[in-house]
C-alpha atoms as a PDB file:
ATOM      1  CA  MET A   1     -15.342   1.560 -17.656  1.00  0.00           C
ATOM      2  CA  ARG A   2     -16.002  -0.707 -14.713  1.00  0.00           C
ATOM      3  CA  ARG A   3     -18.270   0.825 -12.084  1.00  0.00           C
ATOM      4  CA  HIS A   4     -17.254   0.729  -8.444  1.00  0.00           C
ATOM      5  CA  PHE A   5     -19.712   0.932  -5.604  1.00  0.00           C
ATOM      6  CA  ARG A   6     -18.370   2.151  -2.321  1.00  0.00           C
ATOM      7  CA  THR A   7     -18.561  -0.764   0.070  1.00  0.00           C
ATOM      8  CA  THR A   8     -17.321  -1.572   3.527  1.00  0.00           C
ATOM      9  CA  ASP A   9     -14.550  -3.640   1.915  1.00  0.00           C
ATOM     10  CA  ARG A  10     -11.731  -1.153   2.237  1.00  0.00           C
ATOM     11  CA  ILE A  11      -8.183  -1.847   1.125  1.00  0.00           C
ATOM     12  CA  ILE A  12      -5.017   0.146   1.831  1.00  0.00           C
ATOM     13  CA  GLY A  13      -2.086   0.043  -0.609  1.00  0.00           C
ATOM     14  CA  ILE A  14       1.327   1.103   0.749  1.00  0.00           C
ATOM     15  CA  GLY A  15       4.386   1.681  -1.437  1.00  0.00           C
ATOM     16  CA  ALA A  16       7.953   2.307  -0.235  1.00  0.00           C
ATOM     17  CA  SER A  17      11.625   1.867  -1.077  1.00  0.00           C
ATOM     18  CA  THR A  18      14.748   3.283   0.619  1.00  0.00           C
ATOM     19  CA  GLY A  19      14.043   3.653   4.350  1.00  0.00           C
ATOM     20  CA  GLY A  20      10.687   1.979   3.865  1.00  0.00           C
ATOM     21  CA  THR A  21      11.116  -1.069   6.073  1.00  0.00           C
ATOM     22  CA  GLU A  22      11.215   1.055   9.232  1.00  0.00           C
ATOM     23  CA  ALA A  23       8.539   3.442   7.924  1.00  0.00           C
ATOM     24  CA  ILE A  24       6.123   0.610   7.105  1.00  0.00           C
ATOM     25  CA  LYS A  25       6.732  -0.968  10.507  1.00  0.00           C
ATOM     26  CA  ALA A  26       5.949   2.385  12.168  1.00  0.00           C
ATOM     27  CA  VAL A  27       2.676   2.805  10.241  1.00  0.00           C
ATOM     28  CA  LEU A  28       1.509  -0.764  10.899  1.00  0.00           C
ATOM     29  CA  ALA A  29       2.279  -0.362  14.609  1.00  0.00           C
ATOM     30  CA  GLU A  30      -0.262   2.480  14.788  1.00  0.00           C
ATOM     31  CA  LEU A  31      -3.153   0.606  13.150  1.00  0.00           C
ATOM     32  CA  PRO A  32      -5.792  -1.036  15.361  1.00  0.00           C
ATOM     33  CA  ALA A  33      -6.180  -4.836  15.412  1.00  0.00           C
ATOM     34  CA  ASP A  34      -9.860  -4.443  14.439  1.00  0.00           C
ATOM     35  CA  LEU A  35      -9.080  -2.294  11.378  1.00  0.00           C
ATOM     36  CA  GLN A  36     -11.916  -2.801   8.904  1.00  0.00           C
ATOM     37  CA  ALA A  37      -9.561  -2.933   5.934  1.00  0.00           C
ATOM     38  CA  GLY A  38      -6.907  -5.178   4.480  1.00  0.00           C
ATOM     39  CA  VAL A  39      -3.453  -3.765   3.753  1.00  0.00           C
ATOM     40  CA  VAL A  40      -1.221  -4.641   0.781  1.00  0.00           C
ATOM     41  CA  ILE A  41       2.415  -3.544   0.772  1.00  0.00           C
ATOM     42  CA  THR A  42       5.046  -3.266  -1.938  1.00  0.00           C
ATOM     43  CA  GLN A  43       8.505  -2.511  -0.547  1.00  0.00           C
ATOM     44  CA  HIS A  44      11.522  -2.673  -2.841  1.00  0.00           C
ATOM     45  CA  ILE A  45      13.488  -5.416  -1.083  1.00  0.00           C
ATOM     46  CA  PRO A  46      15.634  -8.422  -2.084  1.00  0.00           C
ATOM     47  CA  ALA A  47      13.761 -11.735  -2.178  1.00  0.00           C
ATOM     48  CA  ALA A  48      15.682 -13.197   0.773  1.00  0.00           C
ATOM     49  CA  PHE A  49      14.583 -10.367   3.056  1.00  0.00           C
ATOM     50  CA  SER A  50      10.860  -9.938   2.372  1.00  0.00           C
ATOM     51  CA  LYS A  51       9.607 -12.819   4.539  1.00  0.00           C
ATOM     52  CA  PRO A  52      11.775 -11.894   7.578  1.00  0.00           C
ATOM     53  CA  PHE A  53      10.617  -8.282   7.081  1.00  0.00           C
ATOM     54  CA  ALA A  54       6.955  -9.391   7.174  1.00  0.00           C
ATOM     55  CA  GLU A  55       7.675 -11.382  10.333  1.00  0.00           C
ATOM     56  CA  ARG A  56       9.272  -8.341  12.013  1.00  0.00           C
ATOM     57  CA  CYS A  57       6.238  -6.229  11.085  1.00  0.00           C
ATOM     58  CA  ASN A  58       3.930  -8.901  12.494  1.00  0.00           C
ATOM     59  CA  ALA A  59       5.796  -8.812  15.806  1.00  0.00           C
ATOM     60  CA  ALA A  60       5.566  -5.003  15.967  1.00  0.00           C
ATOM     61  CA  SER A  61       1.954  -4.478  14.830  1.00  0.00           C
ATOM     62  CA  PRO A  62      -1.521  -5.231  16.221  1.00  0.00           C
ATOM     63  CA  LEU A  63      -2.370  -6.463  12.694  1.00  0.00           C
ATOM     64  CA  VAL A  64      -1.614  -9.945  11.394  1.00  0.00           C
ATOM     65  CA  VAL A  65       1.226  -9.396   8.886  1.00  0.00           C
ATOM     66  CA  CYS A  66       2.560 -12.018   6.468  1.00  0.00           C
ATOM     67  CA  GLN A  67       4.321 -12.379   3.142  1.00  0.00           C
ATOM     68  CA  ALA A  68       1.637 -12.560   0.477  1.00  0.00           C
ATOM     69  CA  GLU A  69       0.845 -15.891  -1.179  1.00  0.00           C
ATOM     70  CA  ASP A  70      -0.864 -16.361  -4.530  1.00  0.00           C
ATOM     71  CA  GLY A  71      -4.639 -16.750  -4.137  1.00  0.00           C
ATOM     72  CA  GLN A  72      -4.620 -15.728  -0.464  1.00  0.00           C
ATOM     73  CA  GLN A  73      -7.796 -13.955   0.653  1.00  0.00           C
ATOM     74  CA  ILE A  74      -7.245 -10.383   1.877  1.00  0.00           C
ATOM     75  CA  LEU A  75      -8.891 -10.017   5.263  1.00  0.00           C
ATOM     76  CA  PRO A  76      -9.607  -6.961   7.435  1.00  0.00           C
ATOM     77  CA  GLY A  77      -6.982  -6.456  10.121  1.00  0.00           C
ATOM     78  CA  HIS A  78      -4.368  -8.278   8.028  1.00  0.00           C
ATOM     79  CA  ALA A  79      -1.424  -6.955   5.992  1.00  0.00           C
ATOM     80  CA  TYR A  80       0.280  -8.686   3.052  1.00  0.00           C
ATOM     81  CA  VAL A  81       3.856  -7.924   1.975  1.00  0.00           C
ATOM     82  CA  ALA A  82       4.908  -8.532  -1.645  1.00  0.00           C
ATOM     83  CA  PRO A  83       7.648 -11.176  -1.990  1.00  0.00           C
ATOM     84  CA  GLY A  84      10.946  -9.537  -2.920  1.00  0.00           C
ATOM     85  CA  ASP A  85      10.988 -10.910  -6.467  1.00  0.00           C
ATOM     86  CA  ARG A  86       7.309 -10.983  -7.514  1.00  0.00           C
ATOM     87  CA  HIS A  87       4.686  -8.365  -8.273  1.00  0.00           C
ATOM     88  CA  LEU A  88       1.730  -8.284  -5.867  1.00  0.00           C
ATOM     89  CA  LEU A  89      -1.670  -7.542  -7.406  1.00  0.00           C
ATOM     90  CA  VAL A  90      -5.119  -7.386  -5.870  1.00  0.00           C
ATOM     91  CA  GLU A  91      -7.987  -9.111  -7.653  1.00  0.00           C
ATOM     92  CA  ARG A  92     -11.662  -9.405  -6.891  1.00  0.00           C
ATOM     93  CA  ASP A  93     -13.096 -12.873  -6.498  1.00  0.00           C
ATOM     94  CA  GLY A  94     -16.816 -12.255  -6.151  1.00  0.00           C
ATOM     95  CA  ALA A  95     -17.156 -10.136  -3.014  1.00  0.00           C
ATOM     96  CA  ARG A  96     -13.621 -10.915  -1.802  1.00  0.00           C
ATOM     97  CA  TYR A  97     -10.223  -9.437  -2.502  1.00  0.00           C
ATOM     98  CA  VAL A  98      -7.399 -11.915  -3.125  1.00  0.00           C
ATOM     99  CA  CYS A  99      -3.632 -11.602  -3.572  1.00  0.00           C
ATOM    100  CA  ARG A 100      -2.195 -12.481  -6.961  1.00  0.00           C
ATOM    101  CA  LEU A 101       1.525 -12.905  -7.440  1.00  0.00           C
ATOM    102  CA  ASN A 102       2.979 -12.250 -10.861  1.00  0.00           C
ATOM    103  CA  ASP A 103       6.387 -13.088 -12.330  1.00  0.00           C
ATOM    104  CA  GLY A 104       6.215 -10.334 -14.937  1.00  0.00           C
ATOM    105  CA  PRO A 105       9.201  -8.167 -15.883  1.00  0.00           C
ATOM    106  CA  PRO A 106      10.335  -5.276 -13.670  1.00  0.00           C
ATOM    107  CA  VAL A 107       8.312  -2.059 -13.918  1.00  0.00           C
ATOM    108  CA  ASN A 108      10.202   1.180 -13.208  1.00  0.00           C
ATOM    109  CA  ARG A 109      13.214  -1.149 -12.791  1.00  0.00           C
ATOM    110  CA  HIS A 110      11.520  -2.879  -9.854  1.00  0.00           C
ATOM    111  CA  CYS A 111       9.929  -6.237  -9.132  1.00  0.00           C
ATOM    112  CA  PRO A 112       7.838  -5.957  -7.054  1.00  0.00           C
ATOM    113  CA  SER A 113       6.625  -2.617  -8.412  1.00  0.00           C
ATOM    114  CA  VAL A 114       4.391  -0.166  -6.561  1.00  0.00           C
ATOM    115  CA  ASP A 115       2.792   0.883  -9.869  1.00  0.00           C
ATOM    116  CA  VAL A 116       1.763  -2.710 -10.624  1.00  0.00           C
ATOM    117  CA  MET A 117       0.116  -3.131  -7.209  1.00  0.00           C
ATOM    118  CA  LEU A 118      -1.655   0.238  -7.240  1.00  0.00           C
ATOM    119  CA  ARG A 119      -2.968  -0.212 -10.787  1.00  0.00           C
ATOM    120  CA  SER A 120      -4.619  -3.453  -9.643  1.00  0.00           C
ATOM    121  CA  LEU A 121      -6.301  -1.422  -6.870  1.00  0.00           C
ATOM    122  CA  VAL A 122      -7.506   1.130  -9.428  1.00  0.00           C
ATOM    123  CA  GLN A 123      -9.104  -1.698 -11.443  1.00  0.00           C
ATOM    124  CA  ASN A 124     -10.506  -3.777  -8.605  1.00  0.00           C
ATOM    125  CA  ALA A 125     -11.135  -1.448  -5.662  1.00  0.00           C
ATOM    126  CA  GLY A 126     -11.408   2.096  -7.044  1.00  0.00           C
ATOM    127  CA  PRO A 127     -12.867   4.433  -4.395  1.00  0.00           C
ATOM    128  CA  ASN A 128     -12.707   1.678  -1.764  1.00  0.00           C
ATOM    129  CA  ALA A 129      -8.905   1.907  -1.808  1.00  0.00           C
ATOM    130  CA  ILE A 130      -6.562   4.243   0.064  1.00  0.00           C
ATOM    131  CA  GLY A 131      -3.092   4.909  -1.346  1.00  0.00           C
ATOM    132  CA  VAL A 132      -0.050   5.580   0.851  1.00  0.00           C
ATOM    133  CA  MET A 133       3.411   6.528  -0.403  1.00  0.00           C
ATOM    134  CA  LEU A 134       6.273   6.317   2.051  1.00  0.00           C
ATOM    135  CA  THR A 135       9.991   7.111   1.812  1.00  0.00           C
ATOM    136  CA  GLY A 136      11.843   5.831  -1.244  1.00  0.00           C
ATOM    137  CA  MET A 137      14.094   6.656  -4.177  1.00  0.00           C
ATOM    138  CA  GLY A 138      12.796   7.108  -7.720  1.00  0.00           C
ATOM    139  CA  GLU A 139       9.259   7.498  -9.009  1.00  0.00           C
ATOM    140  CA  ASP A 140       7.740   4.001  -8.850  1.00  0.00           C
ATOM    141  CA  GLY A 141       4.075   4.413  -7.907  1.00  0.00           C
ATOM    142  CA  ALA A 142       3.724   8.109  -8.718  1.00  0.00           C
ATOM    143  CA  ALA A 143       1.733   7.645 -11.938  1.00  0.00           C
ATOM    144  CA  SER A 144      -0.577   5.035 -10.426  1.00  0.00           C
ATOM    145  CA  MET A 145      -1.246   7.211  -7.360  1.00  0.00           C
ATOM    146  CA  GLY A 146      -2.694   9.729  -9.807  1.00  0.00           C
ATOM    147  CA  GLU A 147      -4.880   7.016 -11.354  1.00  0.00           C
ATOM    148  CA  LEU A 148      -5.970   5.887  -7.889  1.00  0.00           C
ATOM    149  CA  ARG A 149      -6.909   9.427  -6.907  1.00  0.00           C
ATOM    150  CA  GLN A 150      -8.829   9.860 -10.170  1.00  0.00           C
ATOM    151  CA  ALA A 151     -10.768   6.703  -9.268  1.00  0.00           C
ATOM    152  CA  GLY A 152     -11.928   8.393  -6.051  1.00  0.00           C
ATOM    153  CA  ALA A 153      -9.417   6.983  -3.561  1.00  0.00           C
ATOM    154  CA  PRO A 154      -7.642   9.244  -1.047  1.00  0.00           C
ATOM    155  CA  VAL A 155      -3.847   9.457  -1.342  1.00  0.00           C
ATOM    156  CA  LEU A 156      -1.595  10.026   1.692  1.00  0.00           C
ATOM    157  CA  VAL A 157       2.093  10.865   1.355  1.00  0.00           C
ATOM    158  CA  GLN A 158       4.915  10.902   3.902  1.00  0.00           C
ATOM    159  CA  ASP A 159       6.432  14.364   4.323  1.00  0.00           C
ATOM    160  CA  GLU A 160       9.994  15.228   3.352  1.00  0.00           C
ATOM    161  CA  LYS A 161      11.234  15.828   6.891  1.00  0.00           C
ATOM    162  CA  SER A 162      10.375  12.326   8.144  1.00  0.00           C
ATOM    163  CA  SER A 163      11.448  10.528   4.923  1.00  0.00           C
ATOM    164  CA  VAL A 164      14.888   8.959   4.479  1.00  0.00           C
ATOM    165  CA  VAL A 165      14.619   9.739   0.746  1.00  0.00           C
ATOM    166  CA  TRP A 166      11.816  11.956  -0.575  1.00  0.00           C
ATOM    167  CA  GLY A 167      11.974  10.619  -4.128  1.00  0.00           C
ATOM    168  CA  MET A 168       8.816   8.513  -4.455  1.00  0.00           C
ATOM    169  CA  PRO A 169       6.633  10.575  -2.073  1.00  0.00           C
ATOM    170  CA  GLY A 170       8.032  13.833  -3.456  1.00  0.00           C
ATOM    171  CA  GLU A 171       7.134  12.774  -6.989  1.00  0.00           C
ATOM    172  CA  VAL A 172       3.499  12.168  -5.967  1.00  0.00           C
ATOM    173  CA  VAL A 173       3.383  15.667  -4.435  1.00  0.00           C
ATOM    174  CA  LYS A 174       5.138  17.259  -7.431  1.00  0.00           C
ATOM    175  CA  ARG A 175       2.544  15.801  -9.793  1.00  0.00           C
ATOM    176  CA  GLY A 176      -0.314  17.130  -7.641  1.00  0.00           C
ATOM    177  CA  PHE A 177      -1.673  13.718  -6.647  1.00  0.00           C
ATOM    178  CA  ALA A 178      -1.400  13.946  -2.832  1.00  0.00           C
ATOM    179  CA  ASP A 179      -4.521  14.630  -0.775  1.00  0.00           C
ATOM    180  CA  GLN A 180      -2.489  14.904   2.420  1.00  0.00           C
ATOM    181  CA  VAL A 181       1.238  15.150   3.188  1.00  0.00           C
ATOM    182  CA  LEU A 182       1.861  13.947   6.727  1.00  0.00           C
ATOM    183  CA  PRO A 183       4.756  13.163   9.057  1.00  0.00           C
ATOM    184  CA  LEU A 184       5.315   9.429   9.453  1.00  0.00           C
ATOM    185  CA  SER A 185       4.045   9.546  13.044  1.00  0.00           C
ATOM    186  CA  LYS A 186       0.570  10.687  11.913  1.00  0.00           C
ATOM    187  CA  ILE A 187      -0.068   8.380   8.939  1.00  0.00           C
ATOM    188  CA  GLY A 188      -1.335   5.361  10.906  1.00  0.00           C
ATOM    189  CA  ALA A 189      -3.914   7.387  12.855  1.00  0.00           C
ATOM    190  CA  ARG A 190      -5.100   9.127   9.672  1.00  0.00           C
ATOM    191  CA  LEU A 191      -5.514   5.770   7.914  1.00  0.00           C
ATOM    192  CA  ALA A 192      -7.536   4.386  10.822  1.00  0.00           C
ATOM    193  CA  ALA A 193      -9.758   7.505  10.756  1.00  0.00           C
ATOM    194  CA  LEU A 194     -10.298   7.258   6.970  1.00  0.00           C
ATOM    195  CA  VAL A 195     -11.274   3.597   7.228  1.00  0.00           C
ATOM    196  CA  GLN A 196     -13.648   4.268  10.111  1.00  0.00           C
ATOM    197  CA  ALA A 197     -15.248   7.200   8.287  1.00  0.00           C
ATOM    198  CA  GLY A 198     -15.683   5.212   5.089  1.00  0.00           C
ATOM    199  CA  GLY A 199     -12.996   7.289   3.407  1.00  0.00           C
ATOM    200  CA  ASP A 200     -15.007  10.490   3.103  1.00  0.00           C
END
């Protein structure tokens, strides 16, 4: 069992599917430019649309948002969107987090998969991570949110009323893995508060 020491290197993992592009944009718009955490995002999206989606998020958010590239360092105040046909994982390189892109098979019928990204956070960030599940169909990410929570990371979930489809977030709640269930409009502020407080 790898030991994790709580550090100032925080990392937020956001998963979403149906309705997620607008939900992610709304959350990123509420985060401060000086956020002391990097953000990694897996949205189920066709490959042709992931880069334009990242560019739209960048235009709407105080953060610097881009489509993730293999080996790219994850910096505070930056957000990285998984390409529409590759899994996004987070690895540790010494004291740094870096993006790793993976051409592995679909997981839960999806590539990129939320479970793949979150499991890399369990392994490499543990309690320094924060998990967020937004609107989406299916159950991709539900199991790994439980693993993330077990590793000491807080888990936030979008509520049913503000979700387009409450499949993925509802599954996290059903399995008892959610620390907080919040309307979309409150998730960004809660994330900023968790990062500032060190996640306690």
